[in-house]
């Protein structure tokens, strides 16, 4: 297999100190390439050129690049991108525009590594689908979700893309197909984020069909069984409250809306919940 080596010399003493400090800092956040031989290559960063992955490595007091063909690589151990968590937090705060700004560079960087085991492309792309849907950019969201389904081999990731497409089916009023997708995912998936999203979307489909009781049961699965899934929690609590209100259960509706406002005060759903609470107070 072909390997490429590129080395650079060092400069003055103070430059060397800066380089060493930079190397120490980057080594904490760098990537490790695991070769199919079992060898682990710690790097200061990687980039892609055609079928080669170029790894920046420390060479004495300087640095250089070693190239590995994709066929040599079993996995690249990437640290979790900061943009994944920050974009999710911004979504719960009702700021999808800022969330998009956070997640787009992540998707862009990992695009080059999308077929490499260890890449965060699929997870980042799934987040971007949710953000695009929140921004009503449905055509882009559906296109990216379809790309994810075609690009990944992990069944749960493919289901994650599929369930986001189910949300688009609701907007097209194809409720039965959306529910069928959600039911299949709930039965087969082991990923809590995917299953929680399925219950939310199933609740939305049932609510649109005015099946308030079934919708309420679907929505309640999220706070009861998936309390850590913050990305879908505001919408689930809002759906729970609105379903309870339609069932004339003022106590449960008030509780759901208050829980939403207290836990996610900056979310778009909290604004709607406050309006719903005012309606209940007038009844």
Protein backbone atom coordinates (compact mmCIF):
# COMPACT_ATOMS: atom_id res chain seq x y z
CA UNK A 1 0.00 0.00 0.00
CA UNK A 2 1.15 3.51 -0.79
CA UNK A 3 2.22 5.87 2.00
CA UNK A 4 3.11 9.53 1.54
CA UNK A 5 5.55 11.37 3.82
CA UNK A 6 5.91 15.17 3.97
CA UNK A 7 8.12 16.80 6.61
CA UNK A 8 8.79 20.38 7.65
CA UNK A 9 11.73 21.86 9.58
CA UNK A 10 11.58 23.95 12.77
CA UNK A 11 12.43 27.62 13.26
CA UNK A 12 13.72 29.80 16.09
CA UNK A 13 13.57 28.80 19.76
CA UNK A 14 10.45 30.83 20.56
CA UNK A 15 8.73 29.40 17.51
CA UNK A 16 9.66 25.92 18.72
CA UNK A 17 8.04 26.60 22.06
CA UNK A 18 4.83 27.72 20.36
CA UNK A 19 4.86 24.67 18.12
CA UNK A 20 5.35 22.32 21.05
CA UNK A 21 2.53 23.96 22.99
CA UNK A 22 0.31 23.73 19.94
CA UNK A 23 1.19 20.07 19.50
CA UNK A 24 0.33 19.34 23.15
CA UNK A 25 -3.01 21.14 22.83
CA UNK A 26 -3.90 19.53 19.52
CA UNK A 27 -2.93 16.04 20.67
CA UNK A 28 -5.79 16.18 23.16
CA UNK A 29 -8.27 17.00 20.42
CA UNK A 30 -6.61 15.18 17.48
CA UNK A 31 -7.70 12.08 15.64
CA UNK A 32 -6.28 8.57 15.78
CA UNK A 33 -6.15 6.37 12.69
CA UNK A 34 -6.65 2.66 13.33
CA UNK A 35 -5.13 0.64 10.51
CA UNK A 36 -6.40 -2.75 9.46
CA UNK A 37 -3.10 -4.19 10.71
CA UNK A 38 -4.13 -3.08 14.22
CA UNK A 39 -1.60 -0.25 14.35
CA UNK A 40 -2.82 3.00 15.91
CA UNK A 41 -1.51 6.29 14.53
CA UNK A 42 -2.04 9.30 16.78
CA UNK A 43 -2.38 12.47 14.73
CA UNK A 44 -2.70 16.22 15.13
CA UNK A 45 -5.41 16.30 12.48
CA UNK A 46 -6.42 14.61 9.23
CA UNK A 47 -7.55 15.69 5.80
CA UNK A 48 -8.68 13.91 2.65
CA UNK A 49 -7.15 13.96 -0.81
CA UNK A 50 -8.87 11.64 -3.29
CA UNK A 51 -8.45 8.10 -1.90
CA UNK A 52 -5.80 9.15 0.59
CA UNK A 53 -6.15 10.31 4.18
CA UNK A 54 -3.27 12.60 5.12
CA UNK A 55 -2.42 12.57 8.81
CA UNK A 56 -0.50 15.40 10.43
CA UNK A 57 2.00 13.93 12.90
CA UNK A 58 4.72 15.21 15.19
CA UNK A 59 8.23 14.66 13.86
CA UNK A 60 10.81 15.62 16.45
CA UNK A 61 10.18 19.29 17.16
CA UNK A 62 8.44 19.80 13.83
CA UNK A 63 5.54 18.18 12.02
CA UNK A 64 4.84 16.28 8.85
CA UNK A 65 2.17 14.34 7.02
CA UNK A 66 1.78 10.63 6.48
CA UNK A 67 -0.66 9.43 3.85
CA UNK A 68 -2.74 6.26 4.11
CA UNK A 69 -4.94 4.81 1.42
CA UNK A 70 -8.58 4.33 2.46
CA UNK A 71 -8.16 0.58 1.95
CA UNK A 72 -5.56 0.54 4.76
CA UNK A 73 -7.85 2.20 7.33
CA UNK A 74 -10.16 0.29 9.65
CA UNK A 75 -11.41 3.37 11.51
CA UNK A 76 -10.60 6.96 12.40
CA UNK A 77 -11.25 7.92 16.01
CA UNK A 78 -12.63 11.45 15.77
CA UNK A 79 -13.51 13.37 18.94
CA UNK A 80 -17.17 14.35 19.15
CA UNK A 81 -17.65 17.68 17.33
CA UNK A 82 -18.66 20.56 19.58
CA UNK A 83 -21.19 21.66 16.97
CA UNK A 84 -23.37 18.58 17.56
CA UNK A 85 -24.23 19.51 21.14
CA UNK A 86 -24.30 23.25 20.61
CA UNK A 87 -26.69 22.99 17.65
CA UNK A 88 -29.00 20.71 19.66
CA UNK A 89 -28.98 23.20 22.55
CA UNK A 90 -29.78 26.06 20.19
CA UNK A 91 -32.70 24.09 18.76
CA UNK A 92 -34.19 23.64 22.24
CA UNK A 93 -33.82 27.42 22.67
CA UNK A 94 -35.80 28.09 19.50
CA UNK A 95 -32.82 29.35 17.50
CA UNK A 96 -32.67 27.16 14.37
CA UNK A 97 -30.77 29.80 12.36
CA UNK A 98 -27.91 29.74 14.88
CA UNK A 99 -28.15 25.95 15.09
CA UNK A 100 -27.68 25.75 11.33
CA UNK A 101 -24.58 27.95 11.56
CA UNK A 102 -23.16 25.54 14.17
CA UNK A 103 -23.90 22.29 12.37
CA UNK A 104 -23.05 23.23 8.78
CA UNK A 105 -19.24 23.33 9.31
CA UNK A 106 -19.43 19.92 10.99
CA UNK A 107 -21.34 18.42 8.07
CA UNK A 108 -18.94 20.12 5.66
CA UNK A 109 -15.78 18.78 7.32
CA UNK A 110 -17.02 15.21 7.69
CA UNK A 111 -18.45 15.13 4.16
CA UNK A 112 -14.96 14.11 3.01
CA UNK A 113 -14.97 11.20 5.48
CA UNK A 114 -18.62 10.13 5.20
CA UNK A 115 -17.81 6.55 4.19
CA UNK A 116 -14.95 6.15 6.69
CA UNK A 117 -15.83 4.26 9.91
CA UNK A 118 -15.71 6.65 12.85
CA UNK A 119 -16.91 9.69 10.89
CA UNK A 120 -19.52 11.94 12.49
CA UNK A 121 -21.05 12.86 9.12
CA UNK A 122 -24.27 10.86 9.51
CA UNK A 123 -25.02 12.16 13.01
CA UNK A 124 -24.29 15.74 11.96
CA UNK A 125 -26.35 15.36 8.79
CA UNK A 126 -29.31 14.01 10.79
CA UNK A 127 -29.12 17.06 13.05
CA UNK A 128 -29.01 19.32 10.01
CA UNK A 129 -32.15 17.63 8.64
CA UNK A 130 -33.99 18.51 11.86
CA UNK A 131 -32.72 22.09 11.70
CA UNK A 132 -33.74 22.50 8.06
CA UNK A 133 -37.19 21.13 8.87
CA UNK A 134 -37.53 23.64 11.70
CA UNK A 135 -36.63 26.39 9.23
CA UNK A 136 -39.35 25.14 6.83
CA UNK A 137 -36.68 24.30 4.24
CA UNK A 138 -38.39 21.00 3.60
CA UNK A 139 -37.00 20.25 0.15
CA UNK A 140 -33.42 20.54 1.44
CA UNK A 141 -34.28 18.46 4.51
CA UNK A 142 -35.81 15.67 2.43
CA UNK A 143 -32.89 15.68 -0.01
CA UNK A 144 -30.33 15.37 2.79
CA UNK A 145 -32.35 12.66 4.56
CA UNK A 146 -32.46 10.67 1.34
CA UNK A 147 -28.69 11.11 0.94
CA UNK A 148 -28.17 9.76 4.46
CA UNK A 149 -30.28 6.69 3.75
CA UNK A 150 -28.27 5.95 0.61
CA UNK A 151 -24.87 6.58 2.22
CA UNK A 152 -24.94 4.68 5.51
CA UNK A 153 -24.83 1.01 6.36
CA UNK A 154 -25.87 1.31 10.01
CA UNK A 155 -29.60 0.44 10.19
CA UNK A 156 -30.34 2.80 13.09
CA UNK A 157 -28.82 5.74 11.24
CA UNK A 158 -30.91 4.90 8.18
CA UNK A 159 -33.98 4.75 10.42
CA UNK A 160 -33.05 8.15 11.83
CA UNK A 161 -33.19 9.59 8.33
CA UNK A 162 -36.40 7.74 7.56
CA UNK A 163 -38.22 9.04 10.63
CA UNK A 164 -37.32 12.58 9.65
CA UNK A 165 -38.85 11.89 6.25
CA UNK A 166 -41.95 10.71 8.12
CA UNK A 167 -42.29 14.25 9.45
CA UNK A 168 -42.49 15.45 5.86
CA UNK A 169 -45.23 12.91 5.17
CA UNK A 170 -47.37 14.49 7.89
CA UNK A 171 -47.02 17.86 6.24
CA UNK A 172 -48.22 16.15 3.04
CA UNK A 173 -51.12 14.66 5.05
CA UNK A 174 -49.99 11.09 4.35
CA UNK A 175 -50.66 10.15 7.98
CA UNK A 176 -50.98 6.40 7.67
CA UNK A 177 -47.62 6.02 5.93
CA UNK A 178 -45.95 8.25 8.53
CA UNK A 179 -47.41 6.17 11.38
CA UNK A 180 -46.34 2.92 9.70
CA UNK A 181 -42.74 4.18 9.48
CA UNK A 182 -42.78 5.21 13.13
CA UNK A 183 -44.26 1.90 14.28
CA UNK A 184 -41.60 -0.06 12.39
CA UNK A 185 -38.80 2.04 13.91
CA UNK A 186 -40.23 1.74 17.43
CA UNK A 187 -40.28 -2.04 17.04
CA UNK A 188 -36.81 -2.43 15.51
CA UNK A 189 -34.60 0.44 16.72
CA UNK A 190 -32.47 0.45 19.87
CA UNK A 191 -31.45 4.11 19.56
CA UNK A 192 -33.31 6.21 22.18
CA UNK A 193 -33.12 9.40 20.11
CA UNK A 194 -34.69 7.69 17.10
CA UNK A 195 -37.43 5.99 19.12
CA UNK A 196 -38.26 9.22 20.99
CA UNK A 197 -38.50 11.03 17.66
CA UNK A 198 -40.77 8.27 16.35
CA UNK A 199 -43.17 8.71 19.27
CA UNK A 200 -43.21 12.46 18.71
CA UNK A 201 -43.94 12.18 15.00
CA UNK A 202 -46.53 9.47 15.59
CA UNK A 203 -48.17 11.82 18.08
CA UNK A 204 -48.18 14.59 15.47
CA UNK A 205 -49.82 12.28 12.92
CA UNK A 206 -52.50 11.14 15.37
CA UNK A 207 -53.12 14.72 16.52
CA UNK A 208 -53.60 15.81 12.90
CA UNK A 209 -56.18 13.03 12.59
CA UNK A 210 -57.93 14.38 15.71
CA UNK A 211 -57.30 11.16 17.62
CA UNK A 212 -56.53 13.12 20.78
CA UNK A 213 -56.28 10.20 23.20
CA UNK A 214 -53.91 8.15 21.05
CA UNK A 215 -51.87 11.28 20.32
CA UNK A 216 -51.55 12.02 24.04
CA UNK A 217 -50.30 8.50 24.75
CA UNK A 218 -47.73 8.81 21.97
CA UNK A 219 -46.46 12.18 23.17
CA UNK A 220 -46.21 11.02 26.80
CA UNK A 221 -43.76 8.29 25.82
CA UNK A 222 -41.09 10.97 25.40
CA UNK A 223 -41.05 12.54 28.90
CA UNK A 224 -41.79 9.23 30.62
CA UNK A 225 -39.38 6.89 28.84
CA UNK A 226 -36.89 9.25 27.17
CA UNK A 227 -36.33 12.17 29.57
CA UNK A 228 -32.78 12.78 28.28
CA UNK A 229 -33.86 13.43 24.68
CA UNK A 230 -33.94 17.21 24.99
CA UNK A 231 -34.12 17.88 21.26
CA UNK A 232 -37.64 16.45 20.92
CA UNK A 233 -38.86 17.17 24.46
CA UNK A 234 -40.33 20.68 23.89
CA UNK A 235 -42.46 19.50 20.97
CA UNK A 236 -43.57 16.40 22.89
CA UNK A 237 -44.62 18.44 25.93
CA UNK A 238 -46.48 20.90 23.72
CA UNK A 239 -48.26 18.06 21.94
CA UNK A 240 -49.13 16.48 25.27
CA UNK A 241 -50.61 19.72 26.54
CA UNK A 242 -52.60 20.40 23.39
CA UNK A 243 -53.94 16.84 23.29
CA UNK A 244 -55.00 17.06 26.94
CA UNK A 245 -56.73 20.35 26.23
CA UNK A 246 -58.67 18.76 23.37
CA UNK A 247 -59.70 16.00 25.80
CA UNK A 248 -60.84 18.73 28.21
CA UNK A 249 -58.34 17.62 30.83
CA UNK A 250 -57.42 21.10 31.99
CA UNK A 251 -55.23 19.87 34.85
CA UNK A 252 -53.01 17.68 32.66
CA UNK A 253 -52.84 20.32 29.94
CA UNK A 254 -51.77 23.00 32.41
CA UNK A 255 -49.13 20.69 33.87
CA UNK A 256 -47.63 19.91 30.46
CA UNK A 257 -47.56 23.55 29.37
CA UNK A 258 -46.02 24.66 32.67
CA UNK A 259 -43.39 21.91 32.50
CA UNK A 260 -42.51 23.06 28.99
CA UNK A 261 -42.20 26.74 29.92
CA UNK A 262 -40.14 25.92 33.03
CA UNK A 263 -37.72 23.50 31.35
CA UNK A 264 -37.36 25.16 27.93
CA UNK A 265 -38.25 28.85 28.41
CA UNK A 266 -36.41 30.01 25.28
CA UNK A 267 -37.91 27.43 22.93
CA UNK A 268 -40.42 28.31 20.24
CA UNK A 269 -42.79 25.79 21.80
CA UNK A 270 -42.70 27.66 25.13
CA UNK A 271 -44.17 30.74 23.45
CA UNK A 272 -47.04 28.65 22.12
CA UNK A 273 -47.49 27.01 25.53
CA UNK A 274 -47.83 30.39 27.23
CA UNK A 275 -50.55 31.32 24.75
CA UNK A 276 -52.33 28.01 25.43
CA UNK A 277 -52.13 28.62 29.19
CA UNK A 278 -53.84 31.98 28.75
CA UNK A 279 -56.64 30.26 26.84
CA UNK A 280 -57.08 27.73 29.63
CA UNK A 281 -57.25 30.46 32.26
CA UNK A 282 -60.17 32.06 30.42
CA UNK A 283 -62.19 28.84 30.34
